[in-house]
Amino acid sequence: MNEGYFVGWGTLALINAVLAQGKNRSGFNWFLLSLLLGPVATFFLALSDKR
């Protein structure tokens, strides 16, 4: 596979971790979830309310 695909997926996971921490959620858990689900995790995180 293309190496850029993996770099982009990892970058998205890091962005999701930062976004999750801004919403008072576990950044590490969302990082791991984002590695598995990618843009789907971003969608759910964007829709979630701040705790």
PDB file of N, CA and C in Angstrom:
ATOM      1  N   MET A   1       0.832  -1.191   0.000  1.00  0.00           N
ATOM      2  CA  MET A   1       0.000   0.000   0.000  1.00  0.00           C
ATOM      3  C   MET A   1       0.870   1.246   0.000  1.00  0.00           C
ATOM      4  N   ASN A   2       0.245   2.331  -0.303  1.00  0.00           N
ATOM      5  CA  ASN A   2       0.936   3.607  -0.351  1.00  0.00           C
ATOM      6  C   ASN A   2       1.267   4.078   1.070  1.00  0.00           C
ATOM      7  N   GLU A   3       2.501   4.511   1.283  1.00  0.00           N
ATOM      8  CA  GLU A   3       2.924   4.965   2.614  1.00  0.00           C
ATOM      9  C   GLU A   3       2.184   6.226   3.045  1.00  0.00           C
ATOM     10  N   GLY A   4       1.786   7.063   2.095  1.00  0.00           N
ATOM     11  CA  GLY A   4       1.047   8.280   2.425  1.00  0.00           C
ATOM     12  C   GLY A   4      -0.284   7.981   3.084  1.00  0.00           C
ATOM     13  N   TYR A   5      -0.871   6.859   2.737  1.00  0.00           N
ATOM     14  CA  TYR A   5      -2.142   6.446   3.330  1.00  0.00           C
ATOM     15  C   TYR A   5      -1.962   6.234   4.833  1.00  0.00           C
ATOM     16  N   PHE A   6      -0.903   5.568   5.231  1.00  0.00           N
ATOM     17  CA  PHE A   6      -0.651   5.304   6.648  1.00  0.00           C
ATOM     18  C   PHE A   6      -0.307   6.581   7.406  1.00  0.00           C
ATOM     19  N   VAL A   7       0.424   7.468   6.763  1.00  0.00           N
ATOM     20  CA  VAL A   7       0.770   8.744   7.400  1.00  0.00           C
ATOM     21  C   VAL A   7      -0.493   9.562   7.628  1.00  0.00           C
ATOM     22  N   GLY A   8      -1.363   9.608   6.649  1.00  0.00           N
ATOM     23  CA  GLY A   8      -2.615  10.353   6.774  1.00  0.00           C
ATOM     24  C   GLY A   8      -3.525   9.770   7.844  1.00  0.00           C
ATOM     25  N   TRP A   9      -3.599   8.446   7.900  1.00  0.00           N
ATOM     26  CA  TRP A   9      -4.436   7.780   8.901  1.00  0.00           C
ATOM     27  C   TRP A   9      -3.910   8.060  10.302  1.00  0.00           C
ATOM     28  N   GLY A  10      -2.592   8.012  10.475  1.00  0.00           N
ATOM     29  CA  GLY A  10      -1.988   8.309  11.778  1.00  0.00           C
ATOM     30  C   GLY A  10      -2.171   9.758  12.177  1.00  0.00           C
ATOM     31  N   THR A  11      -2.074  10.660  11.209  1.00  0.00           N
ATOM     32  CA  THR A  11      -2.284  12.073  11.485  1.00  0.00           C
ATOM     33  C   THR A  11      -3.716  12.328  11.924  1.00  0.00           C
ATOM     34  N   LEU A  12      -4.653  11.689  11.263  1.00  0.00           N
ATOM     35  CA  LEU A  12      -6.063  11.819  11.645  1.00  0.00           C
ATOM     36  C   LEU A  12      -6.279  11.312  13.068  1.00  0.00           C
ATOM     37  N   ALA A  13      -5.629  10.227  13.432  1.00  0.00           N
ATOM     38  CA  ALA A  13      -5.753   9.682  14.783  1.00  0.00           C
ATOM     39  C   ALA A  13      -5.207  10.670  15.820  1.00  0.00           C
ATOM     40  N   LEU A  14      -4.108  11.328  15.512  1.00  0.00           N
ATOM     41  CA  LEU A  14      -3.551  12.331  16.429  1.00  0.00           C
ATOM     42  C   LEU A  14      -4.472  13.533  16.561  1.00  0.00           C
ATOM     43  N   ILE A  15      -5.040  13.970  15.461  1.00  0.00           N
ATOM     44  CA  ILE A  15      -5.977  15.095  15.485  1.00  0.00           C
ATOM     45  C   ILE A  15      -7.194  14.734  16.334  1.00  0.00           C
ATOM     46  N   ASN A  16      -7.680  13.516  16.187  1.00  0.00           N
ATOM     47  CA  ASN A  16      -8.824  13.077  16.983  1.00  0.00           C
ATOM     48  C   ASN A  16      -8.489  13.031  18.466  1.00  0.00           C
ATOM     49  N   ALA A  17      -7.277  12.637  18.807  1.00  0.00           N
ATOM     50  CA  ALA A  17      -6.868  12.597  20.209  1.00  0.00           C
ATOM     51  C   ALA A  17      -6.879  14.005  20.815  1.00  0.00           C
ATOM     52  N   VAL A  18      -6.385  14.968  20.083  1.00  0.00           N
ATOM     53  CA  VAL A  18      -6.383  16.357  20.557  1.00  0.00           C
ATOM     54  C   VAL A  18      -7.810  16.882  20.668  1.00  0.00           C
ATOM     55  N   LEU A  19      -8.628  16.579  19.677  1.00  0.00           N
ATOM     56  CA  LEU A  19     -10.029  17.006  19.699  1.00  0.00           C
ATOM     57  C   LEU A  19     -10.760  16.385  20.888  1.00  0.00           C
ATOM     58  N   ALA A  20     -10.488  15.127  21.167  1.00  0.00           N
ATOM     59  CA  ALA A  20     -11.127  14.447  22.300  1.00  0.00           C
ATOM     60  C   ALA A  20     -10.712  15.086  23.619  1.00  0.00           C
ATOM     61  N   GLN A  21      -9.445  15.410  23.767  1.00  0.00           N
ATOM     62  CA  GLN A  21      -8.989  16.039  25.005  1.00  0.00           C
ATOM     63  C   GLN A  21      -9.638  17.404  25.189  1.00  0.00           C
ATOM     64  N   GLY A  22      -9.880  18.097  24.086  1.00  0.00           N
ATOM     65  CA  GLY A  22     -10.572  19.382  24.165  1.00  0.00           C
ATOM     66  C   GLY A  22     -12.012  19.234  24.613  1.00  0.00           C
ATOM     67  N   LYS A  23     -12.568  18.049  24.441  1.00  0.00           N
ATOM     68  CA  LYS A  23     -13.935  17.773  24.883  1.00  0.00           C
ATOM     69  C   LYS A  23     -13.959  16.989  26.192  1.00  0.00           C
ATOM     70  N   ASN A  24     -12.848  17.021  26.915  1.00  0.00           N
ATOM     71  CA  ASN A  24     -12.702  16.341  28.209  1.00  0.00           C
ATOM     72  C   ASN A  24     -12.957  14.839  28.111  1.00  0.00           C
ATOM     73  N   ARG A  25     -12.444  14.229  27.078  1.00  0.00           N
ATOM     74  CA  ARG A  25     -12.538  12.785  26.888  1.00  0.00           C
ATOM     75  C   ARG A  25     -11.120  12.222  26.823  1.00  0.00           C
ATOM     76  N   SER A  26     -10.995  10.931  26.900  1.00  0.00           N
ATOM     77  CA  SER A  26      -9.679  10.297  26.892  1.00  0.00           C
ATOM     78  C   SER A  26      -9.050  10.383  25.501  1.00  0.00           C
ATOM     79  N   GLY A  27      -7.969  11.130  25.397  1.00  0.00           N
ATOM     80  CA  GLY A  27      -7.280  11.267  24.123  1.00  0.00           C
ATOM     81  C   GLY A  27      -6.670   9.960  23.652  1.00  0.00           C
ATOM     82  N   PHE A  28      -6.125   9.184  24.590  1.00  0.00           N
ATOM     83  CA  PHE A  28      -5.496   7.910  24.226  1.00  0.00           C
ATOM     84  C   PHE A  28      -6.519   6.924  23.688  1.00  0.00           C
ATOM     85  N   ASN A  29      -7.666   6.828  24.365  1.00  0.00           N
ATOM     86  CA  ASN A  29      -8.708   5.911  23.896  1.00  0.00           C
ATOM     87  C   ASN A  29      -9.214   6.300  22.515  1.00  0.00           C
ATOM     88  N   TRP A  30      -9.404   7.588  22.300  1.00  0.00           N
ATOM     89  CA  TRP A  30      -9.873   8.036  20.988  1.00  0.00           C
ATOM     90  C   TRP A  30      -8.792   7.878  19.929  1.00  0.00           C
ATOM     91  N   PHE A  31      -7.537   7.988  20.315  1.00  0.00           N
ATOM     92  CA  PHE A  31      -6.448   7.727  19.379  1.00  0.00           C
ATOM     93  C   PHE A  31      -6.512   6.280  18.889  1.00  0.00           C
ATOM     94  N   LEU A  32      -6.649   5.353  19.845  1.00  0.00           N
ATOM     95  CA  LEU A  32      -6.725   3.938  19.472  1.00  0.00           C
ATOM     96  C   LEU A  32      -7.972   3.644  18.643  1.00  0.00           C
ATOM     97  N   LEU A  33      -9.086   4.219  19.034  1.00  0.00           N
ATOM     98  CA  LEU A  33     -10.321   4.022  18.283  1.00  0.00           C
ATOM     99  C   LEU A  33     -10.190   4.587  16.867  1.00  0.00           C
ATOM    100  N   SER A  34      -9.509   5.701  16.746  1.00  0.00           N
ATOM    101  CA  SER A  34      -9.319   6.322  15.437  1.00  0.00           C
ATOM    102  C   SER A  34      -8.407   5.495  14.542  1.00  0.00           C
ATOM    103  N   LEU A  35      -7.455   4.789  15.138  1.00  0.00           N
ATOM    104  CA  LEU A  35      -6.611   3.910  14.332  1.00  0.00           C
ATOM    105  C   LEU A  35      -7.436   2.796  13.709  1.00  0.00           C
ATOM    106  N   LEU A  36      -8.478   2.377  14.410  1.00  0.00           N
ATOM    107  CA  LEU A  36      -9.333   1.307  13.904  1.00  0.00           C
ATOM    108  C   LEU A  36     -10.415   1.817  12.954  1.00  0.00           C
ATOM    109  N   LEU A  37     -11.040   2.929  13.317  1.00  0.00           N
ATOM    110  CA  LEU A  37     -12.208   3.396  12.568  1.00  0.00           C
ATOM    111  C   LEU A  37     -11.954   4.592  11.654  1.00  0.00           C
ATOM    112  N   GLY A  38     -10.884   5.323  11.910  1.00  0.00           N
ATOM    113  CA  GLY A  38     -10.516   6.456  11.066  1.00  0.00           C
ATOM    114  C   GLY A  38     -11.574   7.544  11.020  1.00  0.00           C
ATOM    115  N   PRO A  39     -12.026   7.909   9.819  1.00  0.00           N
ATOM    116  CA  PRO A  39     -12.976   9.014   9.670  1.00  0.00           C
ATOM    117  C   PRO A  39     -14.309   8.790  10.378  1.00  0.00           C
ATOM    118  N   VAL A  40     -14.691   7.554  10.591  1.00  0.00           N
ATOM    119  CA  VAL A  40     -15.936   7.271  11.303  1.00  0.00           C
ATOM    120  C   VAL A  40     -15.816   7.745  12.757  1.00  0.00           C
ATOM    121  N   ALA A  41     -14.657   7.514  13.363  1.00  0.00           N
ATOM    122  CA  ALA A  41     -14.425   7.984  14.734  1.00  0.00           C
ATOM    123  C   ALA A  41     -14.444   9.505  14.782  1.00  0.00           C
ATOM    124  N   THR A  42     -13.897  10.154  13.769  1.00  0.00           N
ATOM    125  CA  THR A  42     -13.913  11.616  13.698  1.00  0.00           C
ATOM    126  C   THR A  42     -15.340  12.127  13.660  1.00  0.00           C
ATOM    127  N   PHE A  43     -16.175  11.472  12.881  1.00  0.00           N
ATOM    128  CA  PHE A  43     -17.574  11.850  12.765  1.00  0.00           C
ATOM    129  C   PHE A  43     -18.273  11.775  14.126  1.00  0.00           C
ATOM    130  N   PHE A  44     -18.097  10.657  14.846  1.00  0.00           N
ATOM    131  CA  PHE A  44     -18.742  10.505  16.139  1.00  0.00           C
ATOM    132  C   PHE A  44     -18.182  11.478  17.173  1.00  0.00           C
ATOM    133  N   LEU A  45     -16.908  11.738  17.108  1.00  0.00           N
ATOM    134  CA  LEU A  45     -16.288  12.660  18.044  1.00  0.00           C
ATOM    135  C   LEU A  45     -16.771  14.088  17.783  1.00  0.00           C
ATOM    136  N   ALA A  46     -16.917  14.449  16.535  1.00  0.00           N
ATOM    137  CA  ALA A  46     -17.385  15.793  16.196  1.00  0.00           C
ATOM    138  C   ALA A  46     -18.828  16.007  16.652  1.00  0.00           C
ATOM    139  N   LEU A  47     -19.629  14.959  16.657  1.00  0.00           N
ATOM    140  CA  LEU A  47     -21.025  15.074  17.071  1.00  0.00           C
ATOM    141  C   LEU A  47     -21.213  15.025  18.584  1.00  0.00           C
ATOM    142  N   SER A  48     -20.217  14.531  19.300  1.00  0.00           N
ATOM    143  CA  SER A  48     -20.356  14.387  20.744  1.00  0.00           C
ATOM    144  C   SER A  48     -20.269  15.745  21.438  1.00  0.00           C
ATOM    145  N   ASP A  49     -20.967  15.831  22.564  1.00  0.00           N
ATOM    146  CA  ASP A  49     -20.958  17.051  23.360  1.00  0.00           C
ATOM    147  C   ASP A  49     -19.756  17.060  24.302  1.00  0.00           C
ATOM    148  N   LYS A  50     -19.400  18.254  24.740  1.00  0.00           N
ATOM    149  CA  LYS A  50     -18.326  18.397  25.709  1.00  0.00           C
ATOM    150  C   LYS A  50     -18.812  17.952  27.068  1.00  0.00           C
ATOM    151  N   ARG A  51     -17.992  17.209  27.794  1.00  0.00           N
ATOM    152  CA  ARG A  51     -18.368  16.742  29.133  1.00  0.00           C
ATOM    153  C   ARG A  51     -18.128  17.821  30.142  1.00  0.00           C
TER     154      ARG A  51
END
